[in-house]
Amino acid sequence: MNRTAVTTFAFLIFGLQLMSVHQSAQACQVDEFYLTKEGPLAASTPQILNEATKYEEGGDNDKLAGLLDKGSVLRLKGDIKVQVLERSFEFKTLKIKFSDRTDPYWVKDGSLKQIICN
């Protein structure tokens, strides 16, 4: 084969590989979408989340129940798809948005699980 044919063939193979990688990556773009785990707390602000977590860890169920009743804190149900809007590495929290709510909530890191595409 001459050099031009070999070069053309190499670029053709490279192009096909690039297209196949792009299609598989496009089919599973869930970098910002996660599923909730059952049980962790979510709150309207990071400060309220820290307060609720402190009450939960300290066993102060009355104060935690007050925050839950007001609606500023909720307990996550499992396998609800949420969008991660912001990550705070300093406080190890995530700002999430539920598809059926307008206001965002904050959760502790580890309260969500990745969506696995097959």
PDB file of N, CA and C in Angstrom:
ATOM      1  N   MET A   1       0.843  -1.191   0.000  1.00  0.00           N
ATOM      2  CA  MET A   1       0.000   0.000   0.000  1.00  0.00           C
ATOM      3  C   MET A   1       0.879   1.241   0.000  1.00  0.00           C
ATOM      4  N   ASN A   2       0.362   2.267  -0.626  1.00  0.00           N
ATOM      5  CA  ASN A   2       1.139   3.496  -0.591  1.00  0.00           C
ATOM      6  C   ASN A   2       0.847   4.268   0.689  1.00  0.00           C
ATOM      7  N   ARG A   3       1.632   5.243   0.952  1.00  0.00           N
ATOM      8  CA  ARG A   3       1.552   5.997   2.216  1.00  0.00           C
ATOM      9  C   ARG A   3       0.221   6.718   2.371  1.00  0.00           C
ATOM     10  N   THR A   4      -0.349   7.259   1.322  1.00  0.00           N
ATOM     11  CA  THR A   4      -1.620   7.969   1.377  1.00  0.00           C
ATOM     12  C   THR A   4      -2.750   7.024   1.765  1.00  0.00           C
ATOM     13  N   ALA A   5      -2.756   5.841   1.239  1.00  0.00           N
ATOM     14  CA  ALA A   5      -3.792   4.864   1.554  1.00  0.00           C
ATOM     15  C   ALA A   5      -3.702   4.431   3.015  1.00  0.00           C
ATOM     16  N   VAL A   6      -2.495   4.212   3.492  1.00  0.00           N
ATOM     17  CA  VAL A   6      -2.302   3.813   4.899  1.00  0.00           C
ATOM     18  C   VAL A   6      -2.763   4.930   5.823  1.00  0.00           C
ATOM     19  N   THR A   7      -2.423   6.158   5.525  1.00  0.00           N
ATOM     20  CA  THR A   7      -2.824   7.302   6.347  1.00  0.00           C
ATOM     21  C   THR A   7      -4.339   7.465   6.337  1.00  0.00           C
ATOM     22  N   THR A   8      -4.944   7.342   5.180  1.00  0.00           N
ATOM     23  CA  THR A   8      -6.399   7.443   5.066  1.00  0.00           C
ATOM     24  C   THR A   8      -7.074   6.337   5.860  1.00  0.00           C
ATOM     25  N   PHE A   9      -6.560   5.134   5.764  1.00  0.00           N
ATOM     26  CA  PHE A   9      -7.116   3.996   6.505  1.00  0.00           C
ATOM     27  C   PHE A   9      -6.991   4.231   8.016  1.00  0.00           C
ATOM     28  N   ALA A  10      -5.866   4.741   8.470  1.00  0.00           N
ATOM     29  CA  ALA A  10      -5.655   5.014   9.897  1.00  0.00           C
ATOM     30  C   ALA A  10      -6.635   6.066  10.396  1.00  0.00           C
ATOM     31  N   PHE A  11      -6.830   7.118   9.633  1.00  0.00           N
ATOM     32  CA  PHE A  11      -7.784   8.159  10.038  1.00  0.00           C
ATOM     33  C   PHE A  11      -9.217   7.634  10.039  1.00  0.00           C
ATOM     34  N   LEU A  12      -9.536   6.765   9.110  1.00  0.00           N
ATOM     35  CA  LEU A  12     -10.863   6.163   9.066  1.00  0.00           C
ATOM     36  C   LEU A  12     -11.110   5.317  10.322  1.00  0.00           C
ATOM     37  N   ILE A  13     -10.153   4.500  10.694  1.00  0.00           N
ATOM     38  CA  ILE A  13     -10.273   3.681  11.913  1.00  0.00           C
ATOM     39  C   ILE A  13     -10.380   4.576  13.140  1.00  0.00           C
ATOM     40  N   PHE A  14      -9.559   5.609  13.219  1.00  0.00           N
ATOM     41  CA  PHE A  14      -9.606   6.539  14.351  1.00  0.00           C
ATOM     42  C   PHE A  14     -10.973   7.218  14.430  1.00  0.00           C
ATOM     43  N   GLY A  15     -11.505   7.619  13.299  1.00  0.00           N
ATOM     44  CA  GLY A  15     -12.818   8.269  13.265  1.00  0.00           C
ATOM     45  C   GLY A  15     -13.922   7.341  13.732  1.00  0.00           C
ATOM     46  N   LEU A  16     -13.881   6.095  13.314  1.00  0.00           N
ATOM     47  CA  LEU A  16     -14.886   5.117  13.753  1.00  0.00           C
ATOM     48  C   LEU A  16     -14.800   4.866  15.258  1.00  0.00           C
ATOM     49  N   GLN A  17     -13.587   4.774  15.775  1.00  0.00           N
ATOM     50  CA  GLN A  17     -13.418   4.582  17.219  1.00  0.00           C
ATOM     51  C   GLN A  17     -13.936   5.789  17.988  1.00  0.00           C
ATOM     52  N   LEU A  18     -13.643   6.964  17.496  1.00  0.00           N
ATOM     53  CA  LEU A  18     -14.101   8.182  18.155  1.00  0.00           C
ATOM     54  C   LEU A  18     -15.615   8.270  18.164  1.00  0.00           C
ATOM     55  N   MET A  19     -16.249   7.897  17.061  1.00  0.00           N
ATOM     56  CA  MET A  19     -17.710   7.915  17.003  1.00  0.00           C
ATOM     57  C   MET A  19     -18.316   6.901  17.968  1.00  0.00           C
ATOM     58  N   SER A  20     -17.736   5.730  18.085  1.00  0.00           N
ATOM     59  CA  SER A  20     -18.292   4.719  18.988  1.00  0.00           C
ATOM     60  C   SER A  20     -18.140   5.145  20.437  1.00  0.00           C
ATOM     61  N   VAL A  21     -17.035   5.766  20.808  1.00  0.00           N
ATOM     62  CA  VAL A  21     -16.849   6.258  22.176  1.00  0.00           C
ATOM     63  C   VAL A  21     -17.826   7.393  22.458  1.00  0.00           C
ATOM     64  N   HIS A  22     -18.005   8.289  21.510  1.00  0.00           N
ATOM     65  CA  HIS A  22     -18.914   9.421  21.703  1.00  0.00           C
ATOM     66  C   HIS A  22     -20.350   8.936  21.892  1.00  0.00           C
ATOM     67  N   GLN A  23     -20.778   7.948  21.117  1.00  0.00           N
ATOM     68  CA  GLN A  23     -22.140   7.440  21.235  1.00  0.00           C
ATOM     69  C   GLN A  23     -22.368   6.765  22.575  1.00  0.00           C
ATOM     70  N   SER A  24     -21.411   6.009  23.062  1.00  0.00           N
ATOM     71  CA  SER A  24     -21.589   5.344  24.353  1.00  0.00           C
ATOM     72  C   SER A  24     -21.571   6.360  25.484  1.00  0.00           C
ATOM     73  N   ALA A  25     -20.783   7.402  25.367  1.00  0.00           N
ATOM     74  CA  ALA A  25     -20.756   8.430  26.405  1.00  0.00           C
ATOM     75  C   ALA A  25     -22.038   9.248  26.376  1.00  0.00           C
ATOM     76  N   GLN A  26     -22.560   9.512  25.219  1.00  0.00           N
ATOM     77  CA  GLN A  26     -23.769  10.305  25.101  1.00  0.00           C
ATOM     78  C   GLN A  26     -24.988   9.550  25.628  1.00  0.00           C
ATOM     79  N   ALA A  27     -24.997   8.261  25.517  1.00  0.00           N
ATOM     80  CA  ALA A  27     -26.140   7.473  25.949  1.00  0.00           C
ATOM     81  C   ALA A  27     -26.276   7.420  27.463  1.00  0.00           C
ATOM     82  N   CYS A  28     -25.236   7.779  28.188  1.00  0.00           N
ATOM     83  CA  CYS A  28     -25.270   7.670  29.640  1.00  0.00           C
ATOM     84  C   CYS A  28     -24.695   8.931  30.296  1.00  0.00           C
ATOM     85  N   GLN A  29     -25.221  10.073  29.961  1.00  0.00           N
ATOM     86  CA  GLN A  29     -24.757  11.303  30.570  1.00  0.00           C
ATOM     87  C   GLN A  29     -25.556  11.559  31.843  1.00  0.00           C
ATOM     88  N   VAL A  30     -25.068  11.060  32.962  1.00  0.00           N
ATOM     89  CA  VAL A  30     -25.761  11.199  34.236  1.00  0.00           C
ATOM     90  C   VAL A  30     -24.836  11.788  35.292  1.00  0.00           C
ATOM     91  N   ASP A  31     -23.824  12.519  34.872  1.00  0.00           N
ATOM     92  CA  ASP A  31     -22.849  13.058  35.805  1.00  0.00           C
ATOM     93  C   ASP A  31     -23.488  13.907  36.890  1.00  0.00           C
ATOM     94  N   GLU A  32     -24.553  14.604  36.589  1.00  0.00           N
ATOM     95  CA  GLU A  32     -25.164  15.482  37.576  1.00  0.00           C
ATOM     96  C   GLU A  32     -26.449  14.909  38.158  1.00  0.00           C
ATOM     97  N   PHE A  33     -26.845  13.712  37.726  1.00  0.00           N
ATOM     98  CA  PHE A  33     -28.054  13.080  38.240  1.00  0.00           C
ATOM     99  C   PHE A  33     -27.691  11.865  39.092  1.00  0.00           C
ATOM    100  N   TYR A  34     -28.359  11.746  40.221  1.00  0.00           N
ATOM    101  CA  TYR A  34     -28.100  10.663  41.161  1.00  0.00           C
ATOM    102  C   TYR A  34     -29.430  10.154  41.697  1.00  0.00           C
ATOM    103  N   LEU A  35     -29.380   9.030  42.408  1.00  0.00           N
ATOM    104  CA  LEU A  35     -30.532   8.500  43.114  1.00  0.00           C
ATOM    105  C   LEU A  35     -30.314   8.671  44.606  1.00  0.00           C
ATOM    106  N   THR A  36     -31.392   8.941  45.326  1.00  0.00           N
ATOM    107  CA  THR A  36     -31.287   9.110  46.770  1.00  0.00           C
ATOM    108  C   THR A  36     -31.203   7.754  47.457  1.00  0.00           C
ATOM    109  N   LYS A  37     -30.564   7.750  48.610  1.00  0.00           N
ATOM    110  CA  LYS A  37     -30.547   6.584  49.487  1.00  0.00           C
ATOM    111  C   LYS A  37     -31.685   6.750  50.485  1.00  0.00           C
ATOM    112  N   GLU A  38     -32.178   5.671  51.013  1.00  0.00           N
ATOM    113  CA  GLU A  38     -33.273   5.684  51.981  1.00  0.00           C
ATOM    114  C   GLU A  38     -32.764   6.131  53.352  1.00  0.00           C
ATOM    115  N   GLY A  39     -33.378   7.180  53.919  1.00  0.00           N
ATOM    116  CA  GLY A  39     -33.128   7.538  55.307  1.00  0.00           C
ATOM    117  C   GLY A  39     -32.366   8.800  55.644  1.00  0.00           C
ATOM    118  N   PRO A  40     -31.352   9.239  54.872  1.00  0.00           N
ATOM    119  CA  PRO A  40     -30.623  10.446  55.254  1.00  0.00           C
ATOM    120  C   PRO A  40     -31.504  11.695  55.255  1.00  0.00           C
ATOM    121  N   LEU A  41     -31.020  12.721  55.939  1.00  0.00           N
ATOM    122  CA  LEU A  41     -31.746  13.985  56.035  1.00  0.00           C
ATOM    123  C   LEU A  41     -31.386  14.913  54.880  1.00  0.00           C
ATOM    124  N   ALA A  42     -32.342  15.742  54.493  1.00  0.00           N
ATOM    125  CA  ALA A  42     -32.135  16.818  53.526  1.00  0.00           C
ATOM    126  C   ALA A  42     -32.735  18.075  54.137  1.00  0.00           C
ATOM    127  N   ALA A  43     -32.085  19.221  53.920  1.00  0.00           N
ATOM    128  CA  ALA A  43     -32.559  20.467  54.527  1.00  0.00           C
ATOM    129  C   ALA A  43     -32.474  21.607  53.524  1.00  0.00           C
ATOM    130  N   SER A  44     -33.222  22.659  53.815  1.00  0.00           N
ATOM    131  CA  SER A  44     -33.295  23.797  52.907  1.00  0.00           C
ATOM    132  C   SER A  44     -32.013  24.622  52.875  1.00  0.00           C
ATOM    133  N   THR A  45     -31.211  24.567  53.935  1.00  0.00           N
ATOM    134  CA  THR A  45     -29.928  25.282  53.969  1.00  0.00           C
ATOM    135  C   THR A  45     -28.877  24.379  54.615  1.00  0.00           C
ATOM    136  N   PRO A  46     -27.604  24.638  54.347  1.00  0.00           N
ATOM    137  CA  PRO A  46     -26.557  23.837  54.986  1.00  0.00           C
ATOM    138  C   PRO A  46     -26.562  23.984  56.516  1.00  0.00           C
ATOM    139  N   GLN A  47     -26.908  25.177  56.988  1.00  0.00           N
ATOM    140  CA  GLN A  47     -26.936  25.408  58.434  1.00  0.00           C
ATOM    141  C   GLN A  47     -28.026  24.563  59.104  1.00  0.00           C
ATOM    142  N   ILE A  48     -29.202  24.521  58.485  1.00  0.00           N
ATOM    143  CA  ILE A  48     -30.290  23.713  59.043  1.00  0.00           C
ATOM    144  C   ILE A  48     -29.941  22.228  58.951  1.00  0.00           C
ATOM    145  N   LEU A  49     -29.265  21.830  57.884  1.00  0.00           N
ATOM    146  CA  LEU A  49     -28.832  20.435  57.760  1.00  0.00           C
ATOM    147  C   LEU A  49     -27.868  20.075  58.888  1.00  0.00           C
ATOM    148  N   ASN A  50     -26.918  20.948  59.174  1.00  0.00           N
ATOM    149  CA  ASN A  50     -25.983  20.687  60.272  1.00  0.00           C
ATOM    150  C   ASN A  50     -26.709  20.617  61.611  1.00  0.00           C
ATOM    151  N   GLU A  51     -27.668  21.505  61.823  1.00  0.00           N
ATOM    152  CA  GLU A  51     -28.455  21.503  63.056  1.00  0.00           C
ATOM    153  C   GLU A  51     -29.254  20.200  63.187  1.00  0.00           C
ATOM    154  N   ALA A  52     -29.909  19.792  62.104  1.00  0.00           N
ATOM    155  CA  ALA A  52     -30.712  18.566  62.130  1.00  0.00           C
ATOM    156  C   ALA A  52     -29.834  17.339  62.352  1.00  0.00           C
ATOM    157  N   THR A  53     -28.685  17.324  61.725  1.00  0.00           N
ATOM    158  CA  THR A  53     -27.749  16.210  61.899  1.00  0.00           C
ATOM    159  C   THR A  53     -27.271  16.138  63.341  1.00  0.00           C
ATOM    160  N   LYS A  54     -27.016  17.300  63.922  1.00  0.00           N
ATOM    161  CA  LYS A  54     -26.591  17.346  65.325  1.00  0.00           C
ATOM    162  C   LYS A  54     -27.697  16.798  66.231  1.00  0.00           C
ATOM    163  N   TYR A  55     -28.937  17.170  65.970  1.00  0.00           N
ATOM    164  CA  TYR A  55     -30.063  16.651  66.759  1.00  0.00           C
ATOM    165  C   TYR A  55     -30.203  15.139  66.591  1.00  0.00           C
ATOM    166  N   GLU A  56     -30.051  14.671  65.354  1.00  0.00           N
ATOM    167  CA  GLU A  56     -30.189  13.234  65.097  1.00  0.00           C
ATOM    168  C   GLU A  56     -29.080  12.446  65.791  1.00  0.00           C
ATOM    169  N   GLU A  57     -27.852  12.914  65.667  1.00  0.00           N
ATOM    170  CA  GLU A  57     -26.723  12.221  66.288  1.00  0.00           C
ATOM    171  C   GLU A  57     -26.784  12.292  67.808  1.00  0.00           C
ATOM    172  N   GLY A  58     -27.329  13.388  68.339  1.00  0.00           N
ATOM    173  CA  GLY A  58     -27.437  13.549  69.786  1.00  0.00           C
ATOM    174  C   GLY A  58     -28.677  12.895  70.378  1.00  0.00           C
ATOM    175  N   GLY A  59     -29.541  12.354  69.547  1.00  0.00           N
ATOM    176  CA  GLY A  59     -30.745  11.698  70.033  1.00  0.00           C
ATOM    177  C   GLY A  59     -31.839  12.650  70.472  1.00  0.00           C
ATOM    178  N   ASP A  60     -31.774  13.919  70.033  1.00  0.00           N
ATOM    179  CA  ASP A  60     -32.791  14.904  70.392  1.00  0.00           C
ATOM    180  C   ASP A  60     -33.931  14.837  69.369  1.00  0.00           C
ATOM    181  N   ASN A  61     -34.765  13.810  69.504  1.00  0.00           N
ATOM    182  CA  ASN A  61     -35.820  13.547  68.532  1.00  0.00           C
ATOM    183  C   ASN A  61     -36.918  14.603  68.521  1.00  0.00           C
ATOM    184  N   ASP A  62     -37.156  15.270  69.657  1.00  0.00           N
ATOM    185  CA  ASP A  62     -38.190  16.309  69.700  1.00  0.00           C
ATOM    186  C   ASP A  62     -37.817  17.505  68.830  1.00  0.00           C
ATOM    187  N   LYS A  63     -36.577  17.954  68.935  1.00  0.00           N
ATOM    188  CA  LYS A  63     -36.139  19.097  68.125  1.00  0.00           C
ATOM    189  C   LYS A  63     -36.070  18.705  66.644  1.00  0.00           C
ATOM    190  N   LEU A  64     -35.627  17.476  66.367  1.00  0.00           N
ATOM    191  CA  LEU A  64     -35.593  17.007  64.984  1.00  0.00           C
ATOM    192  C   LEU A  64     -37.005  16.913  64.413  1.00  0.00           C
ATOM    193  N   ALA A  65     -37.932  16.426  65.202  1.00  0.00           N
ATOM    194  CA  ALA A  65     -39.330  16.332  64.763  1.00  0.00           C
ATOM    195  C   ALA A  65     -39.903  17.714  64.469  1.00  0.00           C
ATOM    196  N   GLY A  66     -39.504  18.724  65.252  1.00  0.00           N
ATOM    197  CA  GLY A  66     -39.953  20.096  64.997  1.00  0.00           C
ATOM    198  C   GLY A  66     -39.484  20.595  63.648  1.00  0.00           C
ATOM    199  N   LEU A  67     -38.229  20.299  63.287  1.00  0.00           N
ATOM    200  CA  LEU A  67     -37.715  20.706  61.973  1.00  0.00           C
ATOM    201  C   LEU A  67     -38.407  19.943  60.852  1.00  0.00           C
ATOM    202  N   LEU A  68     -38.684  18.670  61.081  1.00  0.00           N
ATOM    203  CA  LEU A  68     -39.387  17.875  60.076  1.00  0.00           C
ATOM    204  C   LEU A  68     -40.814  18.380  59.873  1.00  0.00           C
ATOM    205  N   ASP A  69     -41.485  18.749  60.967  1.00  0.00           N
ATOM    206  CA  ASP A  69     -42.861  19.249  60.880  1.00  0.00           C
ATOM    207  C   ASP A  69     -42.940  20.585  60.137  1.00  0.00           C
ATOM    208  N   LYS A  70     -41.928  21.443  60.336  1.00  0.00           N
ATOM    209  CA  LYS A  70     -41.906  22.743  59.655  1.00  0.00           C
ATOM    210  C   LYS A  70     -41.645  22.610  58.160  1.00  0.00           C
ATOM    211  N   GLY A  71     -41.076  21.480  57.744  1.00  0.00           N
ATOM    212  CA  GLY A  71     -40.792  21.269  56.331  1.00  0.00           C
ATOM    213  C   GLY A  71     -39.432  21.759  55.892  1.00  0.00           C
ATOM    214  N   SER A  72     -38.646  22.320  56.806  1.00  0.00           N
ATOM    215  CA  SER A  72     -37.314  22.763  56.430  1.00  0.00           C
ATOM    216  C   SER A  72     -36.341  21.591  56.362  1.00  0.00           C
ATOM    217  N   VAL A  73     -36.746  20.448  56.919  1.00  0.00           N
ATOM    218  CA  VAL A  73     -35.961  19.220  56.871  1.00  0.00           C
ATOM    219  C   VAL A  73     -36.884  18.097  56.437  1.00  0.00           C
ATOM    220  N   LEU A  74     -36.363  17.209  55.622  1.00  0.00           N
ATOM    221  CA  LEU A  74     -37.121  16.021  55.256  1.00  0.00           C
ATOM    222  C   LEU A  74     -36.185  14.820  55.251  1.00  0.00           C
ATOM    223  N   ARG A  75     -36.774  13.649  55.371  1.00  0.00           N
ATOM    224  CA  ARG A  75     -36.006  12.410  55.324  1.00  0.00           C
ATOM    225  C   ARG A  75     -36.149  11.837  53.916  1.00  0.00           C
ATOM    226  N   LEU A  76     -35.018  11.508  53.314  1.00  0.00           N
ATOM    227  CA  LEU A  76     -35.021  11.033  51.937  1.00  0.00           C
ATOM    228  C   LEU A  76     -35.653   9.652  51.814  1.00  0.00           C
ATOM    229  N   LYS A  77     -36.395   9.480  50.741  1.00  0.00           N
ATOM    230  CA  LYS A  77     -36.897   8.164  50.349  1.00  0.00           C
ATOM    231  C   LYS A  77     -35.914   7.601  49.334  1.00  0.00           C
ATOM    232  N   GLY A  78     -35.870   6.315  49.205  1.00  0.00           N
ATOM    233  CA  GLY A  78     -34.900   5.684  48.324  1.00  0.00           C
ATOM    234  C   GLY A  78     -35.239   5.765  46.851  1.00  0.00           C
ATOM    235  N   ASP A  79     -34.202   5.812  46.053  1.00  0.00           N
ATOM    236  CA  ASP A  79     -34.286   5.736  44.588  1.00  0.00           C
ATOM    237  C   ASP A  79     -35.106   6.836  43.932  1.00  0.00           C
ATOM    238  N   ILE A  80     -35.000   8.051  44.449  1.00  0.00           N
ATOM    239  CA  ILE A  80     -35.606   9.227  43.818  1.00  0.00           C
ATOM    240  C   ILE A  80     -34.501   9.923  43.012  1.00  0.00           C
ATOM    241  N   LYS A  81     -34.764  10.188  41.751  1.00  0.00           N
ATOM    242  CA  LYS A  81     -33.767  10.835  40.907  1.00  0.00           C
ATOM    243  C   LYS A  81     -33.693  12.317  41.242  1.00  0.00           C
ATOM    244  N   VAL A  82     -32.481  12.802  41.520  1.00  0.00           N
ATOM    245  CA  VAL A  82     -32.253  14.210  41.833  1.00  0.00           C
ATOM    246  C   VAL A  82     -31.094  14.728  40.985  1.00  0.00           C
ATOM    247  N   GLN A  83     -31.065  16.032  40.839  1.00  0.00           N
ATOM    248  CA  GLN A  83     -29.985  16.687  40.111  1.00  0.00           C
ATOM    249  C   GLN A  83     -29.082  17.380  41.110  1.00  0.00           C
ATOM    250  N   VAL A  84     -27.792  17.156  41.005  1.00  0.00           N
ATOM    251  CA  VAL A  84     -26.829  17.834  41.875  1.00  0.00           C
ATOM    252  C   VAL A  84     -26.496  19.182  41.242  1.00  0.00           C
ATOM    253  N   LEU A  85     -26.779  20.255  41.988  1.00  0.00           N
ATOM    254  CA  LEU A  85     -26.552  21.610  41.488  1.00  0.00           C
ATOM    255  C   LEU A  85     -25.207  22.174  41.920  1.00  0.00           C
ATOM    256  N   GLU A  86     -24.767  21.772  43.106  1.00  0.00           N
ATOM    257  CA  GLU A  86     -23.554  22.352  43.677  1.00  0.00           C
ATOM    258  C   GLU A  86     -22.943  21.358  44.656  1.00  0.00           C
ATOM    259  N   ARG A  87     -21.625  21.380  44.744  1.00  0.00           N
ATOM    260  CA  ARG A  87     -20.909  20.531  45.700  1.00  0.00           C
ATOM    261  C   ARG A  87     -20.080  21.412  46.609  1.00  0.00           C
ATOM    262  N   SER A  88     -20.164  21.166  47.895  1.00  0.00           N
ATOM    263  CA  SER A  88     -19.318  21.867  48.854  1.00  0.00           C
ATOM    264  C   SER A  88     -18.343  20.846  49.430  1.00  0.00           C
ATOM    265  N   PHE A  89     -17.107  20.889  48.933  1.00  0.00           N
ATOM    266  CA  PHE A  89     -16.104  19.944  49.413  1.00  0.00           C
ATOM    267  C   PHE A  89     -15.679  20.278  50.835  1.00  0.00           C
ATOM    268  N   GLU A  90     -15.762  21.549  51.187  1.00  0.00           N
ATOM    269  CA  GLU A  90     -15.375  21.983  52.532  1.00  0.00           C
ATOM    270  C   GLU A  90     -16.312  21.409  53.593  1.00  0.00           C
ATOM    271  N   PHE A  91     -17.622  21.464  53.332  1.00  0.00           N
ATOM    272  CA  PHE A  91     -18.600  20.990  54.311  1.00  0.00           C
ATOM    273  C   PHE A  91     -19.120  19.586  53.989  1.00  0.00           C
ATOM    274  N   LYS A  92     -18.628  19.002  52.875  1.00  0.00           N
ATOM    275  CA  LYS A  92     -19.030  17.665  52.446  1.00  0.00           C
ATOM    276  C   LYS A  92     -20.547  17.555  52.301  1.00  0.00           C
ATOM    277  N   THR A  93     -21.111  18.527  51.578  1.00  0.00           N
ATOM    278  CA  THR A  93     -22.550  18.542  51.318  1.00  0.00           C
ATOM    279  C   THR A  93     -22.802  18.736  49.825  1.00  0.00           C
ATOM    280  N   LEU A  94     -24.012  18.406  49.415  1.00  0.00           N
ATOM    281  CA  LEU A  94     -24.441  18.563  48.035  1.00  0.00           C
ATOM    282  C   LEU A  94     -25.752  19.327  48.004  1.00  0.00           C
ATOM    283  N   LYS A  95     -25.865  20.252  47.083  1.00  0.00           N
ATOM    284  CA  LYS A  95     -27.115  20.973  46.855  1.00  0.00           C
ATOM    285  C   LYS A  95     -27.842  20.232  45.741  1.00  0.00           C
ATOM    286  N   ILE A  96     -29.055  19.755  46.039  1.00  0.00           N
ATOM    287  CA  ILE A  96     -29.785  18.942  45.075  1.00  0.00           C
ATOM    288  C   ILE A  96     -31.130  19.566  44.742  1.00  0.00           C
ATOM    289  N   LYS A  97     -31.677  19.140  43.612  1.00  0.00           N
ATOM    290  CA  LYS A  97     -32.996  19.600  43.192  1.00  0.00           C
ATOM    291  C   LYS A  97     -33.830  18.380  42.830  1.00  0.00           C
ATOM    292  N   PHE A  98     -34.992  18.289  43.448  1.00  0.00           N
ATOM    293  CA  PHE A  98     -35.960  17.249  43.112  1.00  0.00           C
ATOM    294  C   PHE A  98     -36.737  17.707  41.890  1.00  0.00           C
ATOM    295  N   SER A  99     -37.161  16.787  41.054  1.00  0.00           N
ATOM    296  CA  SER A  99     -37.897  17.161  39.850  1.00  0.00           C
ATOM    297  C   SER A  99     -39.289  17.703  40.169  1.00  0.00           C
ATOM    298  N   ASP A 100     -39.849  17.338  41.332  1.00  0.00           N
ATOM    299  CA  ASP A 100     -41.200  17.784  41.670  1.00  0.00           C
ATOM    300  C   ASP A 100     -41.225  18.949  42.665  1.00  0.00           C
ATOM    301  N   ARG A 101     -40.081  19.546  42.954  1.00  0.00           N
ATOM    302  CA  ARG A 101     -40.000  20.677  43.887  1.00  0.00           C
ATOM    303  C   ARG A 101     -39.218  21.807  43.249  1.00  0.00           C
ATOM    304  N   THR A 102     -39.559  23.036  43.633  1.00  0.00           N
ATOM    305  CA  THR A 102     -38.853  24.174  43.053  1.00  0.00           C
ATOM    306  C   THR A 102     -37.619  24.565  43.872  1.00  0.00           C
ATOM    307  N   ASP A 103     -37.699  24.422  45.183  1.00  0.00           N
ATOM    308  CA  ASP A 103     -36.600  24.825  46.040  1.00  0.00           C
ATOM    309  C   ASP A 103     -35.558  23.709  46.161  1.00  0.00           C
ATOM    310  N   PRO A 104     -34.290  24.078  46.164  1.00  0.00           N
ATOM    311  CA  PRO A 104     -33.248  23.061  46.334  1.00  0.00           C
ATOM    312  C   PRO A 104     -33.111  22.656  47.804  1.00  0.00           C
ATOM    313  N   TYR A 105     -32.501  21.519  48.019  1.00  0.00           N
ATOM    314  CA  TYR A 105     -32.204  21.009  49.355  1.00  0.00           C
ATOM    315  C   TYR A 105     -30.730  20.645  49.434  1.00  0.00           C
ATOM    316  N   TRP A 106     -30.223  20.576  50.647  1.00  0.00           N
ATOM    317  CA  TRP A 106     -28.844  20.184  50.900  1.00  0.00           C
ATOM    318  C   TRP A 106     -28.834  18.836  51.587  1.00  0.00           C
ATOM    319  N   VAL A 107     -27.902  17.986  51.178  1.00  0.00           N
ATOM    320  CA  VAL A 107     -27.727  16.677  51.794  1.00  0.00           C
ATOM    321  C   VAL A 107     -26.248  16.469  52.095  1.00  0.00           C
ATOM    322  N   LYS A 108     -25.979  15.584  53.040  1.00  0.00           N
ATOM    323  CA  LYS A 108     -24.598  15.214  53.349  1.00  0.00           C
ATOM    324  C   LYS A 108     -24.059  14.330  52.231  1.00  0.00           C
ATOM    325  N   ASP A 109     -22.769  14.451  51.990  1.00  0.00           N
ATOM    326  CA  ASP A 109     -22.109  13.591  51.027  1.00  0.00           C
ATOM    327  C   ASP A 109     -22.293  12.143  51.473  1.00  0.00           C
ATOM    328  N   GLY A 110     -22.649  11.284  50.564  1.00  0.00           N
ATOM    329  CA  GLY A 110     -22.932   9.894  50.895  1.00  0.00           C
ATOM    330  C   GLY A 110     -24.412   9.582  50.952  1.00  0.00           C
ATOM    331  N   SER A 111     -25.255  10.613  50.803  1.00  0.00           N
ATOM    332  CA  SER A 111     -26.707  10.417  50.824  1.00  0.00           C
ATOM    333  C   SER A 111     -27.264  10.011  49.464  1.00  0.00           C
ATOM    334  N   LEU A 112     -26.402  10.045  48.445  1.00  0.00           N
ATOM    335  CA  LEU A 112     -26.831   9.740  47.085  1.00  0.00           C
ATOM    336  C   LEU A 112     -26.003   8.599  46.529  1.00  0.00           C
ATOM    337  N   LYS A 113     -26.561   7.936  45.536  1.00  0.00           N
ATOM    338  CA  LYS A 113     -25.822   6.889  44.843  1.00  0.00           C
ATOM    339  C   LYS A 113     -25.862   7.164  43.353  1.00  0.00           C
ATOM    340  N   GLN A 114     -24.807   6.750  42.664  1.00  0.00           N
ATOM    341  CA  GLN A 114     -24.704   6.991  41.240  1.00  0.00           C
ATOM    342  C   GLN A 114     -25.727   6.162  40.475  1.00  0.00           C
ATOM    343  N   ILE A 115     -26.133   6.717  39.349  1.00  0.00           N
ATOM    344  CA  ILE A 115     -26.984   5.984  38.422  1.00  0.00           C
ATOM    345  C   ILE A 115     -26.031   5.188  37.530  1.00  0.00           C
ATOM    346  N   ILE A 116     -26.238   3.892  37.506  1.00  0.00           N
ATOM    347  CA  ILE A 116     -25.386   3.014  36.710  1.00  0.00           C
ATOM    348  C   ILE A 116     -26.085   2.705  35.397  1.00  0.00           C
ATOM    349  N   CYS A 117     -25.421   3.009  34.296  1.00  0.00           N
ATOM    350  CA  CYS A 117     -25.965   2.707  32.963  1.00  0.00           C
ATOM    351  C   CYS A 117     -25.373   1.394  32.494  1.00  0.00           C
ATOM    352  N   ASN A 118     -26.208   0.578  31.937  1.00  0.00           N
ATOM    353  CA  ASN A 118     -25.728  -0.722  31.407  1.00  0.00           C
ATOM    354  C   ASN A 118     -25.663  -0.685  29.913  1.00  0.00           C
TER     355      ASN A 118
END
